[in-house]
Amino acid sequence: MGNRLSKIYTKTGDLGDTGLGDGSRVPKIDPRVEAMGTVDELNSVVGLLVEELLGIENSELGSVVKFLRYSQHRIFDLGGELSIPGYEIISEFHVNQIEQDLDRLNNKLEPLKNFILPGGSRLIATAHLARATCRRAERTVIAIPDRASAQEKAINSNAICYLNRLSDYLFVVARTCARVTGVMEVLWEKG
């Protein structure tokens, strides 16, 4: 791959618009740009979670790290997909991959009997932060067609499914971290 950016600042967005991957320009407050930014934020938070996980020597969490690193590439792909209206990268295959790993992890957990609050350790809280960010990314992607212009194409349904499954996966990762590290989950207590 050659050099992608020879100069970091271009000044083309100084008046509040930005370029999409197809060459069109839209306001930075466009729902598609909001979704792209939130997906980028999700990737950053997943990266933070991976770095937290790397501090723990455990083969089970090592497989989570491997899957999350792979997922970061798919999240980046999703951002690219969103930057080109009508373009699709995320497929049912990617959704199925998450489901398989999610089932593998979830089979080792006790059934839920109560709501869980983010906390118990920094690692667990970071996993929940990634989950909450993923849920927000999902909402922003879903909002694109509702708030977009009539010419804009519909959003890839697999992209929405992908984010939905990934947030479930991150919830199970938080629970797995609690189990593997021996930290009690913080259970919600009714008022």
C-alpha atoms as a PDB file:
ATOM      1  CA  MET A   1       0.000   0.000   0.000  1.00  0.00           C
ATOM      2  CA  GLY A   2       1.356   3.405  -0.942  1.00  0.00           C
ATOM      3  CA  ASN A   3       1.188   6.585   1.053  1.00  0.00           C
ATOM      4  CA  ARG A   4      -2.426   7.469   1.779  1.00  0.00           C
ATOM      5  CA  LEU A   5      -1.895  10.812   3.475  1.00  0.00           C
ATOM      6  CA  SER A   6       1.077  12.967   2.715  1.00  0.00           C
ATOM      7  CA  LYS A   7      -0.378  15.911   4.606  1.00  0.00           C
ATOM      8  CA  ILE A   8      -2.665  15.511   7.604  1.00  0.00           C
ATOM      9  CA  TYR A   9      -4.509  18.802   7.391  1.00  0.00           C
ATOM     10  CA  THR A  10      -6.218  19.796   4.170  1.00  0.00           C
ATOM     11  CA  LYS A  11      -8.313  22.788   5.318  1.00  0.00           C
ATOM     12  CA  THR A  12     -11.179  21.451   3.163  1.00  0.00           C
ATOM     13  CA  GLY A  13     -13.385  20.974   6.220  1.00  0.00           C
ATOM     14  CA  ASP A  14     -12.817  24.385   7.746  1.00  0.00           C
ATOM     15  CA  LEU A  15     -16.287  25.557   6.760  1.00  0.00           C
ATOM     16  CA  GLY A  16     -18.116  22.601   8.327  1.00  0.00           C
ATOM     17  CA  ASP A  17     -18.316  20.060   5.540  1.00  0.00           C
ATOM     18  CA  THR A  18     -16.375  16.887   4.816  1.00  0.00           C
ATOM     19  CA  GLY A  19     -15.736  14.510   1.951  1.00  0.00           C
ATOM     20  CA  LEU A  20     -17.234  11.047   1.656  1.00  0.00           C
ATOM     21  CA  GLY A  21     -15.448   8.128   0.022  1.00  0.00           C
ATOM     22  CA  ASP A  22     -17.397   8.623  -3.194  1.00  0.00           C
ATOM     23  CA  GLY A  23     -16.075  12.181  -3.546  1.00  0.00           C
ATOM     24  CA  SER A  24     -19.276  13.942  -2.495  1.00  0.00           C
ATOM     25  CA  ARG A  25     -19.212  16.575   0.231  1.00  0.00           C
ATOM     26  CA  VAL A  26     -21.705  16.736   3.087  1.00  0.00           C
ATOM     27  CA  PRO A  27     -22.086  18.796   6.259  1.00  0.00           C
ATOM     28  CA  LYS A  28     -20.167  17.392   9.229  1.00  0.00           C
ATOM     29  CA  ILE A  29     -23.507  17.153  11.044  1.00  0.00           C
ATOM     30  CA  ASP A  30     -24.908  14.787   8.381  1.00  0.00           C
ATOM     31  CA  PRO A  31     -26.255  11.551   9.954  1.00  0.00           C
ATOM     32  CA  ARG A  32     -23.831   9.489   7.869  1.00  0.00           C
ATOM     33  CA  VAL A  33     -20.856  11.460   9.196  1.00  0.00           C
ATOM     34  CA  GLU A  34     -22.213  11.092  12.730  1.00  0.00           C
ATOM     35  CA  ALA A  35     -22.415   7.321  12.235  1.00  0.00           C
ATOM     36  CA  MET A  36     -18.910   7.174  10.747  1.00  0.00           C
ATOM     37  CA  GLY A  37     -17.550   9.093  13.732  1.00  0.00           C
ATOM     38  CA  THR A  38     -19.326   6.901  16.259  1.00  0.00           C
ATOM     39  CA  VAL A  39     -18.061   3.748  14.523  1.00  0.00           C
ATOM     40  CA  ASP A  40     -14.546   5.227  14.694  1.00  0.00           C
ATOM     41  CA  GLU A  41     -15.063   5.935  18.394  1.00  0.00           C
ATOM     42  CA  LEU A  42     -16.211   2.332  18.867  1.00  0.00           C
ATOM     43  CA  ASN A  43     -13.001   1.110  17.260  1.00  0.00           C
ATOM     44  CA  SER A  44     -10.986   3.275  19.662  1.00  0.00           C
ATOM     45  CA  VAL A  45     -12.826   1.943  22.710  1.00  0.00           C
ATOM     46  CA  VAL A  46     -12.411  -1.657  21.503  1.00  0.00           C
ATOM     47  CA  GLY A  47      -8.687  -0.890  21.123  1.00  0.00           C
ATOM     48  CA  LEU A  48      -8.648   0.328  24.722  1.00  0.00           C
ATOM     49  CA  LEU A  49     -10.360  -2.887  25.830  1.00  0.00           C
ATOM     50  CA  VAL A  50      -7.799  -4.987  23.939  1.00  0.00           C
ATOM     51  CA  GLU A  51      -4.951  -3.159  25.664  1.00  0.00           C
ATOM     52  CA  GLU A  52      -6.593  -3.781  29.063  1.00  0.00           C
ATOM     53  CA  LEU A  53      -6.997  -7.478  28.201  1.00  0.00           C
ATOM     54  CA  LEU A  54      -3.353  -7.786  27.160  1.00  0.00           C
ATOM     55  CA  GLY A  55      -2.388  -7.087  30.770  1.00  0.00           C
ATOM     56  CA  ILE A  56      -3.916 -10.396  31.896  1.00  0.00           C
ATOM     57  CA  GLU A  57      -2.194 -13.701  31.221  1.00  0.00           C
ATOM     58  CA  ASN A  58      -5.025 -16.078  30.394  1.00  0.00           C
ATOM     59  CA  SER A  59      -5.522 -18.231  27.292  1.00  0.00           C
ATOM     60  CA  GLU A  60      -9.281 -17.717  27.255  1.00  0.00           C
ATOM     61  CA  LEU A  61      -8.886 -13.944  27.341  1.00  0.00           C
ATOM     62  CA  GLY A  62      -6.112 -14.324  24.759  1.00  0.00           C
ATOM     63  CA  SER A  63      -8.662 -15.736  22.329  1.00  0.00           C
ATOM     64  CA  VAL A  64     -10.926 -12.764  23.105  1.00  0.00           C
ATOM     65  CA  VAL A  65      -8.033 -10.413  22.300  1.00  0.00           C
ATOM     66  CA  LYS A  66      -7.483 -12.191  18.991  1.00  0.00           C
ATOM     67  CA  PHE A  67     -11.167 -11.934  18.067  1.00  0.00           C
ATOM     68  CA  LEU A  68     -11.422  -8.292  19.137  1.00  0.00           C
ATOM     69  CA  ARG A  69      -8.339  -7.359  17.088  1.00  0.00           C
ATOM     70  CA  TYR A  70      -9.950  -9.057  14.088  1.00  0.00           C
ATOM     71  CA  SER A  71     -13.177  -7.179  14.891  1.00  0.00           C
ATOM     72  CA  GLN A  72     -11.319  -3.863  14.867  1.00  0.00           C
ATOM     73  CA  HIS A  73     -10.496  -4.476  11.205  1.00  0.00           C
ATOM     74  CA  ARG A  74     -14.155  -5.218  10.470  1.00  0.00           C
ATOM     75  CA  ILE A  75     -15.231  -2.090  12.393  1.00  0.00           C
ATOM     76  CA  PHE A  76     -12.809  -0.103  10.229  1.00  0.00           C
ATOM     77  CA  ASP A  77     -14.347  -1.779   7.157  1.00  0.00           C
ATOM     78  CA  LEU A  78     -17.772  -0.701   8.398  1.00  0.00           C
ATOM     79  CA  GLY A  79     -16.579   2.894   8.633  1.00  0.00           C
ATOM     80  CA  GLY A  80     -15.383   2.618   5.045  1.00  0.00           C
ATOM     81  CA  GLU A  81     -18.701   1.136   4.007  1.00  0.00           C
ATOM     82  CA  LEU A  82     -20.546   4.035   5.605  1.00  0.00           C
ATOM     83  CA  SER A  83     -18.307   6.545   3.811  1.00  0.00           C
ATOM     84  CA  ILE A  84     -19.519   5.332   0.407  1.00  0.00           C
ATOM     85  CA  PRO A  85     -23.332   5.397   0.139  1.00  0.00           C
ATOM     86  CA  GLY A  86     -24.606   2.147  -1.360  1.00  0.00           C
ATOM     87  CA  TYR A  87     -21.327   0.248  -0.838  1.00  0.00           C
ATOM     88  CA  GLU A  88     -21.406  -2.953   1.244  1.00  0.00           C
ATOM     89  CA  ILE A  89     -18.510  -4.757   2.937  1.00  0.00           C
ATOM     90  CA  ILE A  90     -20.019  -6.303   6.069  1.00  0.00           C
ATOM     91  CA  SER A  91     -21.794  -9.561   5.263  1.00  0.00           C
ATOM     92  CA  GLU A  92     -23.781 -12.282   6.978  1.00  0.00           C
ATOM     93  CA  PHE A  93     -20.481 -14.175   7.289  1.00  0.00           C
ATOM     94  CA  HIS A  94     -19.159 -11.490   9.667  1.00  0.00           C
ATOM     95  CA  VAL A  95     -22.349 -11.629  11.751  1.00  0.00           C
ATOM     96  CA  ASN A  96     -22.063 -15.426  11.976  1.00  0.00           C
ATOM     97  CA  GLN A  97     -18.460 -15.172  13.160  1.00  0.00           C
ATOM     98  CA  ILE A  98     -19.521 -13.058  16.122  1.00  0.00           C
ATOM     99  CA  GLU A  99     -22.383 -15.406  16.948  1.00  0.00           C
ATOM    100  CA  GLN A 100     -20.037 -18.407  17.019  1.00  0.00           C
ATOM    101  CA  ASP A 101     -17.554 -16.759  19.375  1.00  0.00           C
ATOM    102  CA  LEU A 102     -20.343 -15.260  21.463  1.00  0.00           C
ATOM    103  CA  ASP A 103     -21.930 -18.710  21.939  1.00  0.00           C
ATOM    104  CA  ARG A 104     -18.544 -20.191  22.855  1.00  0.00           C
ATOM    105  CA  LEU A 105     -18.020 -17.612  25.600  1.00  0.00           C
ATOM    106  CA  ASN A 106     -21.605 -17.501  26.815  1.00  0.00           C
ATOM    107  CA  ASN A 107     -21.762 -21.285  27.310  1.00  0.00           C
ATOM    108  CA  LYS A 108     -19.255 -20.901  30.167  1.00  0.00           C
ATOM    109  CA  LEU A 109     -21.303 -18.276  32.036  1.00  0.00           C
ATOM    110  CA  GLU A 110     -23.965 -18.682  34.684  1.00  0.00           C
ATOM    111  CA  PRO A 111     -27.441 -17.629  33.495  1.00  0.00           C
ATOM    112  CA  LEU A 112     -28.356 -14.030  34.299  1.00  0.00           C
ATOM    113  CA  LYS A 113     -30.706 -13.544  37.230  1.00  0.00           C
ATOM    114  CA  ASN A 114     -30.353  -9.792  37.567  1.00  0.00           C
ATOM    115  CA  PHE A 115     -29.222  -6.715  35.679  1.00  0.00           C
ATOM    116  CA  ILE A 116     -25.490  -6.025  35.751  1.00  0.00           C
ATOM    117  CA  LEU A 117     -23.930  -2.619  36.253  1.00  0.00           C
ATOM    118  CA  PRO A 118     -20.644  -1.621  34.606  1.00  0.00           C
ATOM    119  CA  GLY A 119     -17.921  -2.089  37.194  1.00  0.00           C
ATOM    120  CA  GLY A 120     -16.111  -4.497  39.439  1.00  0.00           C
ATOM    121  CA  SER A 121     -12.781  -3.697  37.828  1.00  0.00           C
ATOM    122  CA  ARG A 122     -11.368  -1.320  35.267  1.00  0.00           C
ATOM    123  CA  LEU A 123     -11.259  -4.173  32.737  1.00  0.00           C
ATOM    124  CA  ILE A 124     -14.944  -5.045  33.183  1.00  0.00           C
ATOM    125  CA  ALA A 125     -15.986  -1.396  33.090  1.00  0.00           C
ATOM    126  CA  THR A 126     -13.985  -0.910  29.876  1.00  0.00           C
ATOM    127  CA  ALA A 127     -15.784  -3.861  28.267  1.00  0.00           C
ATOM    128  CA  HIS A 128     -19.119  -2.293  29.244  1.00  0.00           C
ATOM    129  CA  LEU A 129     -17.963   1.068  27.849  1.00  0.00           C
ATOM    130  CA  ALA A 130     -17.210  -0.671  24.558  1.00  0.00           C
ATOM    131  CA  ARG A 131     -20.663  -2.312  24.661  1.00  0.00           C
ATOM    132  CA  ALA A 132     -22.434   0.995  25.307  1.00  0.00           C
ATOM    133  CA  THR A 133     -20.446   2.719  22.549  1.00  0.00           C
ATOM    134  CA  CYS A 134     -21.357  -0.103  20.170  1.00  0.00           C
ATOM    135  CA  ARG A 135     -25.049   0.325  21.005  1.00  0.00           C
ATOM    136  CA  ARG A 136     -24.762   4.037  20.237  1.00  0.00           C
ATOM    137  CA  ALA A 137     -22.986   3.270  16.954  1.00  0.00           C
ATOM    138  CA  GLU A 138     -25.842   0.942  16.068  1.00  0.00           C
ATOM    139  CA  ARG A 139     -28.401   3.687  16.768  1.00  0.00           C
ATOM    140  CA  THR A 140     -26.531   6.215  14.626  1.00  0.00           C
ATOM    141  CA  VAL A 141     -26.266   3.774  11.716  1.00  0.00           C
ATOM    142  CA  ILE A 142     -29.978   2.940  11.959  1.00  0.00           C
ATOM    143  CA  ALA A 143     -30.790   6.676  11.906  1.00  0.00           C
ATOM    144  CA  ILE A 144     -29.068   7.314   8.556  1.00  0.00           C
ATOM    145  CA  PRO A 145     -31.987   6.378   6.261  1.00  0.00           C
ATOM    146  CA  ASP A 146     -34.511   8.141   8.492  1.00  0.00           C
ATOM    147  CA  ARG A 147     -32.612  11.414   8.389  1.00  0.00           C
ATOM    148  CA  ALA A 148     -30.950  11.160   4.959  1.00  0.00           C
ATOM    149  CA  SER A 149     -31.893  12.689   1.641  1.00  0.00           C
ATOM    150  CA  ALA A 150     -34.261  10.903  -0.737  1.00  0.00           C
ATOM    151  CA  GLN A 151     -31.369   9.998  -3.086  1.00  0.00           C
ATOM    152  CA  GLU A 152     -29.447   8.176  -0.373  1.00  0.00           C
ATOM    153  CA  LYS A 153     -29.419   4.410  -0.527  1.00  0.00           C
ATOM    154  CA  ALA A 154     -30.584   2.194   2.342  1.00  0.00           C
ATOM    155  CA  ILE A 155     -28.046   0.976   4.874  1.00  0.00           C
ATOM    156  CA  ASN A 156     -26.707  -2.571   4.616  1.00  0.00           C
ATOM    157  CA  SER A 157     -28.866  -4.645   6.986  1.00  0.00           C
ATOM    158  CA  ASN A 158     -25.846  -6.853   7.762  1.00  0.00           C
ATOM    159  CA  ALA A 159     -24.020  -3.796   9.115  1.00  0.00           C
ATOM    160  CA  ILE A 160     -26.834  -3.192  11.596  1.00  0.00           C
ATOM    161  CA  CYS A 161     -26.899  -6.890  12.575  1.00  0.00           C
ATOM    162  CA  TYR A 162     -23.115  -6.817  12.953  1.00  0.00           C
ATOM    163  CA  LEU A 163     -23.242  -3.950  15.455  1.00  0.00           C
ATOM    164  CA  ASN A 164     -26.134  -5.567  17.303  1.00  0.00           C
ATOM    165  CA  ARG A 165     -24.232  -8.850  17.702  1.00  0.00           C
ATOM    166  CA  LEU A 166     -20.984  -7.088  18.536  1.00  0.00           C
ATOM    167  CA  SER A 167     -22.649  -5.247  21.420  1.00  0.00           C
ATOM    168  CA  ASP A 168     -23.994  -8.581  22.702  1.00  0.00           C
ATOM    169  CA  TYR A 169     -20.512 -10.043  22.321  1.00  0.00           C
ATOM    170  CA  LEU A 170     -18.981  -7.172  24.309  1.00  0.00           C
ATOM    171  CA  PHE A 171     -21.525  -7.734  27.097  1.00  0.00           C
ATOM    172  CA  VAL A 172     -20.489 -11.396  27.239  1.00  0.00           C
ATOM    173  CA  VAL A 173     -16.824 -10.331  27.173  1.00  0.00           C
ATOM    174  CA  ALA A 174     -17.475  -8.178  30.265  1.00  0.00           C
ATOM    175  CA  ARG A 175     -19.081 -11.141  32.018  1.00  0.00           C
ATOM    176  CA  THR A 176     -16.240 -13.437  30.888  1.00  0.00           C
ATOM    177  CA  CYS A 177     -13.674 -11.002  32.277  1.00  0.00           C
ATOM    178  CA  ALA A 178     -15.440 -11.092  35.636  1.00  0.00           C
ATOM    179  CA  ARG A 179     -15.502 -14.907  35.642  1.00  0.00           C
ATOM    180  CA  VAL A 180     -11.901 -15.368  34.515  1.00  0.00           C
ATOM    181  CA  THR A 181     -10.452 -12.744  36.877  1.00  0.00           C
ATOM    182  CA  GLY A 182     -12.596 -13.869  39.830  1.00  0.00           C
ATOM    183  CA  VAL A 183     -14.281 -10.474  40.244  1.00  0.00           C
ATOM    184  CA  MET A 184     -17.884 -10.370  41.400  1.00  0.00           C
ATOM    185  CA  GLU A 185     -20.200  -8.701  38.905  1.00  0.00           C
ATOM    186  CA  VAL A 186     -21.913  -5.591  40.212  1.00  0.00           C
ATOM    187  CA  LEU A 187     -25.590  -6.481  40.350  1.00  0.00           C
ATOM    188  CA  TRP A 188     -28.302  -3.855  40.123  1.00  0.00           C
ATOM    189  CA  GLU A 189     -30.210  -3.370  43.370  1.00  0.00           C
ATOM    190  CA  LYS A 190     -33.836  -2.280  43.160  1.00  0.00           C
ATOM    191  CA  GLY A 191     -34.395   1.228  44.603  1.00  0.00           C
END
